[in-house]
Amino acid sequence: MAGWRKKRATASARHILVADKKQCEQLKAEIENGADFADIARKHSTCPSGRKGGDLGQFRERQMVREFNDVVFSAELHKVHGPVKTQFGYHLIEITDRSKG
């Protein structure tokens, strides 16, 4: 079939982006000790999504940079992952939903 392409998997996630690995590790510890992910994102994330508690909404596989994509499409849901280093800095990532393509 001409023009037919396999549908890619999708996911929803939220993240916190900071410039420093040590800060990223400290924020992860705060979240693991009961701090609210969205509150931490609003206070510390340098990404514009921080204003929305780090929510990135839904996106397709390979829509994000490789290091970020690899975590989102393979790691456990509803758990904070990171620090994940990308060209933008250090991320804490929580995958909130994922579907196969």
Protein backbone atom coordinates (compact mmCIF):
# COMPACT_ATOMS: atom_id res chain seq x y z
CA MET A 1 0.00 0.00 0.00
CA ALA A 2 1.45 3.30 -1.02
CA GLY A 3 1.70 5.82 1.80
CA TRP A 4 1.01 3.30 4.57
CA ARG A 5 3.21 3.68 7.62
CA LYS A 6 3.29 1.82 10.89
CA LYS A 7 1.78 3.90 13.66
CA ARG A 8 4.37 4.83 16.30
CA ALA A 9 3.89 4.28 20.00
CA THR A 10 2.78 7.25 22.09
CA ALA A 11 3.43 8.26 25.67
CA SER A 12 2.61 10.97 28.16
CA ALA A 13 5.18 12.16 30.64
CA ARG A 14 6.19 15.00 32.88
CA HIS A 15 9.71 16.11 33.60
CA ILE A 16 11.90 18.50 35.51
CA LEU A 17 14.86 20.04 33.68
CA VAL A 18 17.83 21.56 35.49
CA ALA A 19 21.38 22.42 34.42
CA ASP A 20 23.19 20.59 37.21
CA LYS A 21 23.33 16.84 37.96
CA LYS A 22 23.74 17.39 41.71
CA GLN A 23 20.60 19.57 41.84
CA CYS A 24 18.74 16.95 39.80
CA GLU A 25 19.72 14.24 42.30
CA GLN A 26 18.66 16.47 45.23
CA LEU A 27 15.25 17.14 43.66
CA LYS A 28 14.76 13.41 43.02
CA ALA A 29 15.48 12.71 46.70
CA GLU A 30 12.92 15.35 47.72
CA ILE A 31 10.27 13.72 45.51
CA GLU A 32 11.12 10.25 46.82
CA ASN A 33 10.70 11.63 50.34
CA GLY A 34 7.18 12.87 49.61
CA ALA A 35 7.53 16.22 47.83
CA ASP A 36 5.03 16.77 45.00
CA PHE A 37 6.55 16.33 41.52
CA ALA A 38 4.45 19.14 40.02
CA ASP A 39 5.38 21.58 42.81
CA ILE A 40 9.08 20.81 42.37
CA ALA A 41 8.73 21.26 38.58
CA ARG A 42 7.03 24.65 39.00
CA LYS A 43 9.75 25.85 41.38
CA HIS A 44 12.88 24.46 39.72
CA SER A 45 12.41 23.34 36.09
CA THR A 46 14.02 25.52 33.44
CA CYS A 47 11.69 24.09 30.76
CA PRO A 48 8.54 26.08 29.92
CA SER A 49 6.56 22.93 30.83
CA GLY A 50 7.52 23.64 34.45
CA ARG A 51 4.63 26.10 34.64
CA LYS A 52 2.31 23.11 34.02
CA GLY A 53 3.98 20.96 36.67
CA GLY A 54 6.35 19.53 34.08
CA ASP A 55 3.53 18.03 32.00
CA LEU A 56 4.60 17.42 28.40
CA GLY A 57 1.27 15.96 27.29
CA GLN A 58 1.20 13.15 24.76
CA PHE A 59 3.92 12.68 22.15
CA ARG A 60 5.06 10.04 19.67
CA GLU A 61 8.08 7.80 19.86
CA ARG A 62 11.20 9.49 18.48
CA GLN A 63 9.62 12.94 18.84
CA MET A 64 11.96 13.76 21.76
CA VAL A 65 15.77 13.61 21.89
CA ARG A 66 17.17 10.06 21.96
CA GLU A 67 18.21 9.88 25.63
CA PHE A 68 14.79 11.13 26.76
CA ASN A 69 12.94 8.91 24.27
CA ASP A 70 14.83 5.79 25.38
CA VAL A 71 13.69 6.24 28.98
CA VAL A 72 10.09 7.16 28.18
CA PHE A 73 9.53 4.20 25.88
CA SER A 74 11.24 1.53 27.99
CA ALA A 75 11.20 2.40 31.69
CA GLU A 76 8.61 1.69 34.37
CA LEU A 77 5.50 3.88 34.48
CA HIS A 78 4.65 6.13 37.47
CA LYS A 79 8.22 6.12 38.80
CA VAL A 80 10.71 9.00 38.76
CA HIS A 81 13.68 8.23 36.50
CA GLY A 82 16.92 10.14 36.27
CA PRO A 83 19.02 12.08 36.21
CA VAL A 84 18.87 11.64 32.43
CA LYS A 85 21.44 13.80 30.62
CA THR A 86 20.55 15.37 27.27
CA GLN A 87 21.85 18.34 25.30
CA PHE A 88 19.42 20.48 27.33
CA GLY A 89 20.62 19.48 30.80
CA TYR A 90 19.52 16.92 33.39
CA HIS A 91 15.99 15.57 33.53
CA LEU A 92 13.84 13.79 36.04
CA ILE A 93 11.17 11.95 34.08
CA GLU A 94 7.91 10.39 35.17
CA ILE A 95 6.06 8.40 32.50
CA THR A 96 2.35 8.75 33.12
CA ASP A 97 0.99 6.72 30.18
CA ARG A 98 2.25 4.71 27.20
CA SER A 99 0.58 2.90 24.32
CA LYS A 100 1.96 0.64 21.61
CA GLY A 101 1.91 1.85 18.03
